[in-house]
Amino acid sequence: MTKTVLHVEGMSCKSCAAKIEQACKALGAKKVQVDLVQKQVEIEHDTNSLEAIPLKEHIERLGYKVG
């Protein structure tokens, strides 16, 4: 199991957090924890099934900036 932490700009509410969580889980994430205050998303996933770059691109397609 791998943990990826991404800094995400533009999240401001629980709806944003839910949208990002659902998107990551749809890609195969096992656990997603969104921290609106720290502007971070912590994602636990299998190393073989999910990579940080597709996660970043997927979140950016939702309208957020991933740094």
PDB file of N, CA and C in Angstrom:
ATOM      1  N   MET A   1       0.854  -1.175   0.000  1.00  0.00           N
ATOM      2  CA  MET A   1       0.000   0.000   0.000  1.00  0.00           C
ATOM      3  C   MET A   1       0.899   1.237   0.000  1.00  0.00           C
ATOM      4  N   THR A   2       0.536   2.215  -0.815  1.00  0.00           N
ATOM      5  CA  THR A   2       1.290   3.455  -0.935  1.00  0.00           C
ATOM      6  C   THR A   2       0.419   4.623  -0.499  1.00  0.00           C
ATOM      7  N   LYS A   3       1.051   5.622   0.120  1.00  0.00           N
ATOM      8  CA  LYS A   3       0.342   6.832   0.506  1.00  0.00           C
ATOM      9  C   LYS A   3       0.885   7.986  -0.334  1.00  0.00           C
ATOM     10  N   THR A   4      -0.025   8.710  -0.981  1.00  0.00           N
ATOM     11  CA  THR A   4       0.328   9.875  -1.776  1.00  0.00           C
ATOM     12  C   THR A   4      -0.357  11.082  -1.162  1.00  0.00           C
ATOM     13  N   VAL A   5       0.395  12.155  -0.955  1.00  0.00           N
ATOM     14  CA  VAL A   5      -0.164  13.396  -0.429  1.00  0.00           C
ATOM     15  C   VAL A   5      -0.021  14.467  -1.499  1.00  0.00           C
ATOM     16  N   LEU A   6      -1.145  15.079  -1.859  1.00  0.00           N
ATOM     17  CA  LEU A   6      -1.154  16.130  -2.874  1.00  0.00           C
ATOM     18  C   LEU A   6      -1.654  17.431  -2.269  1.00  0.00           C
ATOM     19  N   HIS A   7      -1.032  18.543  -2.654  1.00  0.00           N
ATOM     20  CA  HIS A   7      -1.483  19.873  -2.247  1.00  0.00           C
ATOM     21  C   HIS A   7      -2.480  20.340  -3.302  1.00  0.00           C
ATOM     22  N   VAL A   8      -3.702  20.680  -2.875  1.00  0.00           N
ATOM     23  CA  VAL A   8      -4.763  21.023  -3.819  1.00  0.00           C
ATOM     24  C   VAL A   8      -5.325  22.404  -3.495  1.00  0.00           C
ATOM     25  N   GLU A   9      -5.212  23.320  -4.438  1.00  0.00           N
ATOM     26  CA  GLU A   9      -5.770  24.671  -4.299  1.00  0.00           C
ATOM     27  C   GLU A   9      -7.180  24.708  -4.869  1.00  0.00           C
ATOM     28  N   GLY A  10      -8.037  25.484  -4.230  1.00  0.00           N
ATOM     29  CA  GLY A  10      -9.387  25.683  -4.738  1.00  0.00           C
ATOM     30  C   GLY A  10     -10.466  24.931  -3.976  1.00  0.00           C
ATOM     31  N   MET A  11     -10.062  24.081  -3.026  1.00  0.00           N
ATOM     32  CA  MET A  11     -11.047  23.375  -2.207  1.00  0.00           C
ATOM     33  C   MET A  11     -11.510  24.335  -1.111  1.00  0.00           C
ATOM     34  N   SER A  12     -12.827  24.461  -0.969  1.00  0.00           N
ATOM     35  CA  SER A  12     -13.307  25.411   0.026  1.00  0.00           C
ATOM     36  C   SER A  12     -14.458  24.888   0.894  1.00  0.00           C
ATOM     37  N   CYS A  13     -14.985  23.714   0.561  1.00  0.00           N
ATOM     38  CA  CYS A  13     -16.146  23.236   1.318  1.00  0.00           C
ATOM     39  C   CYS A  13     -16.209  21.709   1.314  1.00  0.00           C
ATOM     40  N   LYS A  14     -17.173  21.187   2.048  1.00  0.00           N
ATOM     41  CA  LYS A  14     -17.341  19.735   2.125  1.00  0.00           C
ATOM     42  C   LYS A  14     -17.743  19.142   0.778  1.00  0.00           C
ATOM     43  N   SER A  15     -18.421  19.913  -0.039  1.00  0.00           N
ATOM     44  CA  SER A  15     -18.800  19.441  -1.369  1.00  0.00           C
ATOM     45  C   SER A  15     -17.554  19.223  -2.231  1.00  0.00           C
ATOM     46  N   CYS A  16     -16.593  20.143  -2.127  1.00  0.00           N
ATOM     47  CA  CYS A  16     -15.319  19.989  -2.849  1.00  0.00           C
ATOM     48  C   CYS A  16     -14.614  18.718  -2.381  1.00  0.00           C
ATOM     49  N   ALA A  17     -14.569  18.539  -1.072  1.00  0.00           N
ATOM     50  CA  ALA A  17     -13.907  17.365  -0.500  1.00  0.00           C
ATOM     51  C   ALA A  17     -14.569  16.078  -0.986  1.00  0.00           C
ATOM     52  N   ALA A  18     -15.894  16.056  -0.999  1.00  0.00           N
ATOM     53  CA  ALA A  18     -16.625  14.867  -1.435  1.00  0.00           C
ATOM     54  C   ALA A  18     -16.373  14.580  -2.912  1.00  0.00           C
ATOM     55  N   LYS A  19     -16.324  15.624  -3.736  1.00  0.00           N
ATOM     56  CA  LYS A  19     -16.084  15.462  -5.169  1.00  0.00           C
ATOM     57  C   LYS A  19     -14.699  14.847  -5.417  1.00  0.00           C
ATOM     58  N   ILE A  20     -13.697  15.350  -4.701  1.00  0.00           N
ATOM     59  CA  ILE A  20     -12.336  14.834  -4.865  1.00  0.00           C
ATOM     60  C   ILE A  20     -12.241  13.408  -4.339  1.00  0.00           C
ATOM     61  N   GLU A  21     -12.867  13.140  -3.206  1.00  0.00           N
ATOM     62  CA  GLU A  21     -12.845  11.791  -2.636  1.00  0.00           C
ATOM     63  C   GLU A  21     -13.476  10.785  -3.598  1.00  0.00           C
ATOM     64  N   GLN A  22     -14.617  11.113  -4.149  1.00  0.00           N
ATOM     65  CA  GLN A  22     -15.295  10.211  -5.081  1.00  0.00           C
ATOM     66  C   GLN A  22     -14.452   9.971  -6.332  1.00  0.00           C
ATOM     67  N   ALA A  23     -13.816  11.029  -6.846  1.00  0.00           N
ATOM     68  CA  ALA A  23     -13.003  10.906  -8.050  1.00  0.00           C
ATOM     69  C   ALA A  23     -11.807   9.986  -7.813  1.00  0.00           C
ATOM     70  N   CYS A  24     -11.160  10.133  -6.663  1.00  0.00           N
ATOM     71  CA  CYS A  24      -9.992   9.297  -6.348  1.00  0.00           C
ATOM     72  C   CYS A  24     -10.398   7.842  -6.145  1.00  0.00           C
ATOM     73  N   LYS A  25     -11.511   7.622  -5.479  1.00  0.00           N
ATOM     74  CA  LYS A  25     -11.976   6.254  -5.260  1.00  0.00           C
ATOM     75  C   LYS A  25     -12.401   5.605  -6.575  1.00  0.00           C
ATOM     76  N   ALA A  26     -12.924   6.405  -7.502  1.00  0.00           N
ATOM     77  CA  ALA A  26     -13.306   5.867  -8.803  1.00  0.00           C
ATOM     78  C   ALA A  26     -12.083   5.373  -9.577  1.00  0.00           C
ATOM     79  N   LEU A  27     -10.918   5.948  -9.289  1.00  0.00           N
ATOM     80  CA  LEU A  27      -9.677   5.520  -9.937  1.00  0.00           C
ATOM     81  C   LEU A  27      -9.037   4.324  -9.238  1.00  0.00           C
ATOM     82  N   GLY A  28      -9.549   3.955  -8.060  1.00  0.00           N
ATOM     83  CA  GLY A  28      -9.015   2.790  -7.367  1.00  0.00           C
ATOM     84  C   GLY A  28      -8.374   3.058  -6.022  1.00  0.00           C
ATOM     85  N   ALA A  29      -8.482   4.292  -5.514  1.00  0.00           N
ATOM     86  CA  ALA A  29      -7.932   4.599  -4.195  1.00  0.00           C
ATOM     87  C   ALA A  29      -8.673   3.808  -3.128  1.00  0.00           C
ATOM     88  N   LYS A  30      -7.930   3.309  -2.150  1.00  0.00           N
ATOM     89  CA  LYS A  30      -8.526   2.545  -1.052  1.00  0.00           C
ATOM     90  C   LYS A  30      -9.071   3.462   0.036  1.00  0.00           C
ATOM     91  N   LYS A  31      -8.349   4.556   0.312  1.00  0.00           N
ATOM     92  CA  LYS A  31      -8.747   5.498   1.355  1.00  0.00           C
ATOM     93  C   LYS A  31      -8.342   6.893   0.902  1.00  0.00           C
ATOM     94  N   VAL A  32      -9.239   7.862   1.108  1.00  0.00           N
ATOM     95  CA  VAL A  32      -8.966   9.248   0.744  1.00  0.00           C
ATOM     96  C   VAL A  32      -9.339  10.126   1.924  1.00  0.00           C
ATOM     97  N   GLN A  33      -8.409  10.981   2.330  1.00  0.00           N
ATOM     98  CA  GLN A  33      -8.675  11.912   3.420  1.00  0.00           C
ATOM     99  C   GLN A  33      -8.365  13.319   2.921  1.00  0.00           C
ATOM    100  N   VAL A  34      -9.379  14.181   2.918  1.00  0.00           N
ATOM    101  CA  VAL A  34      -9.231  15.549   2.437  1.00  0.00           C
ATOM    102  C   VAL A  34      -9.152  16.478   3.642  1.00  0.00           C
ATOM    103  N   ASP A  35      -8.140  17.343   3.672  1.00  0.00           N
ATOM    104  CA  ASP A  35      -7.965  18.329   4.730  1.00  0.00           C
ATOM    105  C   ASP A  35      -8.126  19.713   4.094  1.00  0.00           C
ATOM    106  N   LEU A  36      -9.289  20.333   4.314  1.00  0.00           N
ATOM    107  CA  LEU A  36      -9.577  21.626   3.707  1.00  0.00           C
ATOM    108  C   LEU A  36      -8.687  22.734   4.266  1.00  0.00           C
ATOM    109  N   VAL A  37      -8.340  22.668   5.546  1.00  0.00           N
ATOM    110  CA  VAL A  37      -7.510  23.694   6.174  1.00  0.00           C
ATOM    111  C   VAL A  37      -6.092  23.660   5.621  1.00  0.00           C
ATOM    112  N   GLN A  38      -5.502  22.465   5.544  1.00  0.00           N
ATOM    113  CA  GLN A  38      -4.139  22.308   5.037  1.00  0.00           C
ATOM    114  C   GLN A  38      -4.090  22.280   3.506  1.00  0.00           C
ATOM    115  N   LYS A  39      -5.255  22.204   2.871  1.00  0.00           N
ATOM    116  CA  LYS A  39      -5.368  22.105   1.411  1.00  0.00           C
ATOM    117  C   LYS A  39      -4.595  20.895   0.885  1.00  0.00           C
ATOM    118  N   GLN A  40      -4.818  19.756   1.562  1.00  0.00           N
ATOM    119  CA  GLN A  40      -4.132  18.528   1.182  1.00  0.00           C
ATOM    120  C   GLN A  40      -5.115  17.387   1.010  1.00  0.00           C
ATOM    121  N   VAL A  41      -4.742  16.470   0.144  1.00  0.00           N
ATOM    122  CA  VAL A  41      -5.486  15.235  -0.044  1.00  0.00           C
ATOM    123  C   VAL A  41      -4.498  14.093   0.173  1.00  0.00           C
ATOM    124  N   GLU A  42      -4.815  13.216   1.115  1.00  0.00           N
ATOM    125  CA  GLU A  42      -3.988  12.042   1.395  1.00  0.00           C
ATOM    126  C   GLU A  42      -4.706  10.828   0.832  1.00  0.00           C
ATOM    127  N   ILE A  43      -4.010  10.105  -0.044  1.00  0.00           N
ATOM    128  CA  ILE A  43      -4.625   8.997  -0.763  1.00  0.00           C
ATOM    129  C   ILE A  43      -3.825   7.728  -0.514  1.00  0.00           C
ATOM    130  N   GLU A  44      -4.501   6.675  -0.059  1.00  0.00           N
ATOM    131  CA  GLU A  44      -3.864   5.369   0.096  1.00  0.00           C
ATOM    132  C   GLU A  44      -4.327   4.491  -1.061  1.00  0.00           C
ATOM    133  N   HIS A  45      -3.339   3.852  -1.717  1.00  0.00           N
ATOM    134  CA  HIS A  45      -3.670   3.057  -2.899  1.00  0.00           C
ATOM    135  C   HIS A  45      -2.634   1.968  -3.095  1.00  0.00           C
ATOM    136  N   ASP A  46      -3.011   0.962  -3.879  1.00  0.00           N
ATOM    137  CA  ASP A  46      -2.060  -0.069  -4.274  1.00  0.00           C
ATOM    138  C   ASP A  46      -1.076   0.545  -5.259  1.00  0.00           C
ATOM    139  N   THR A  47       0.183   0.249  -5.107  1.00  0.00           N
ATOM    140  CA  THR A  47       1.221   0.806  -5.963  1.00  0.00           C
ATOM    141  C   THR A  47       0.988   0.467  -7.432  1.00  0.00           C
ATOM    142  N   ASN A  48       0.574  -0.731  -7.715  1.00  0.00           N
ATOM    143  CA  ASN A  48       0.403  -1.174  -9.098  1.00  0.00           C
ATOM    144  C   ASN A  48      -0.844  -0.623  -9.780  1.00  0.00           C
ATOM    145  N   SER A  49      -1.841  -0.220  -9.004  1.00  0.00           N
ATOM    146  CA  SER A  49      -3.112   0.148  -9.616  1.00  0.00           C
ATOM    147  C   SER A  49      -3.311   1.647  -9.809  1.00  0.00           C
ATOM    148  N   LEU A  50      -2.503   2.456  -9.159  1.00  0.00           N
ATOM    149  CA  LEU A  50      -2.757   3.898  -9.192  1.00  0.00           C
ATOM    150  C   LEU A  50      -1.445   4.644  -9.020  1.00  0.00           C
ATOM    151  N   GLU A  51      -1.249   5.702  -9.781  1.00  0.00           N
ATOM    152  CA  GLU A  51      -0.034   6.495  -9.700  1.00  0.00           C
ATOM    153  C   GLU A  51      -0.381   7.946  -9.397  1.00  0.00           C
ATOM    154  N   ALA A  52       0.580   8.696  -8.846  1.00  0.00           N
ATOM    155  CA  ALA A  52       0.347  10.082  -8.443  1.00  0.00           C
ATOM    156  C   ALA A  52       0.013  10.978  -9.635  1.00  0.00           C
ATOM    157  N   ILE A  53       0.649  10.768 -10.781  1.00  0.00           N
ATOM    158  CA  ILE A  53       0.402  11.650 -11.927  1.00  0.00           C
ATOM    159  C   ILE A  53      -1.034  11.529 -12.447  1.00  0.00           C
ATOM    160  N   PRO A  54      -1.580  10.329 -12.666  1.00  0.00           N
ATOM    161  CA  PRO A  54      -2.985  10.255 -13.069  1.00  0.00           C
ATOM    162  C   PRO A  54      -3.923  10.839 -12.014  1.00  0.00           C
ATOM    163  N   LEU A  55      -3.599  10.669 -10.746  1.00  0.00           N
ATOM    164  CA  LEU A  55      -4.417  11.274  -9.690  1.00  0.00           C
ATOM    165  C   LEU A  55      -4.424  12.787  -9.840  1.00  0.00           C
ATOM    166  N   LYS A  56      -3.247  13.369 -10.007  1.00  0.00           N
ATOM    167  CA  LYS A  56      -3.115  14.817 -10.164  1.00  0.00           C
ATOM    168  C   LYS A  56      -3.930  15.304 -11.355  1.00  0.00           C
ATOM    169  N   GLU A  57      -3.773  14.651 -12.483  1.00  0.00           N
ATOM    170  CA  GLU A  57      -4.493  15.052 -13.689  1.00  0.00           C
ATOM    171  C   GLU A  57      -6.002  14.935 -13.503  1.00  0.00           C
ATOM    172  N   HIS A  58      -6.435  13.875 -12.846  1.00  0.00           N
ATOM    173  CA  HIS A  58      -7.862  13.654 -12.628  1.00  0.00           C
ATOM    174  C   HIS A  58      -8.455  14.756 -11.735  1.00  0.00           C
ATOM    175  N   ILE A  59      -7.743  15.129 -10.688  1.00  0.00           N
ATOM    176  CA  ILE A  59      -8.218  16.186  -9.787  1.00  0.00           C
ATOM    177  C   ILE A  59      -8.224  17.532 -10.515  1.00  0.00           C
ATOM    178  N   GLU A  60      -7.215  17.784 -11.340  1.00  0.00           N
ATOM    179  CA  GLU A  60      -7.172  19.037 -12.093  1.00  0.00           C
ATOM    180  C   GLU A  60      -8.329  19.139 -13.088  1.00  0.00           C
ATOM    181  N   ARG A  61      -8.753  18.012 -13.645  1.00  0.00           N
ATOM    182  CA  ARG A  61      -9.911  18.018 -14.554  1.00  0.00           C
ATOM    183  C   ARG A  61     -11.202  18.420 -13.841  1.00  0.00           C
ATOM    184  N   LEU A  62     -11.213  18.262 -12.513  1.00  0.00           N
ATOM    185  CA  LEU A  62     -12.377  18.674 -11.731  1.00  0.00           C
ATOM    186  C   LEU A  62     -12.389  20.186 -11.481  1.00  0.00           C
ATOM    187  N   GLY A  63     -11.283  20.866 -11.830  1.00  0.00           N
ATOM    188  CA  GLY A  63     -11.224  22.315 -11.692  1.00  0.00           C
ATOM    189  C   GLY A  63     -10.348  22.819 -10.558  1.00  0.00           C
ATOM    190  N   TYR A  64      -9.550  21.940  -9.961  1.00  0.00           N
ATOM    191  CA  TYR A  64      -8.670  22.318  -8.869  1.00  0.00           C
ATOM    192  C   TYR A  64      -7.228  22.358  -9.370  1.00  0.00           C
ATOM    193  N   LYS A  65      -6.385  23.105  -8.673  1.00  0.00           N
ATOM    194  CA  LYS A  65      -4.971  23.179  -9.020  1.00  0.00           C
ATOM    195  C   LYS A  65      -4.177  22.299  -8.054  1.00  0.00           C
ATOM    196  N   VAL A  66      -3.428  21.354  -8.600  1.00  0.00           N
ATOM    197  CA  VAL A  66      -2.633  20.443  -7.778  1.00  0.00           C
ATOM    198  C   VAL A  66      -1.175  20.847  -7.890  1.00  0.00           C
ATOM    199  N   GLY A  67      -0.551  21.094  -6.727  1.00  0.00           N
ATOM    200  CA  GLY A  67       0.849  21.518  -6.730  1.00  0.00           C
ATOM    201  C   GLY A  67       1.765  20.488  -6.160  1.00  0.00           C
TER     202      GLY A  67
END
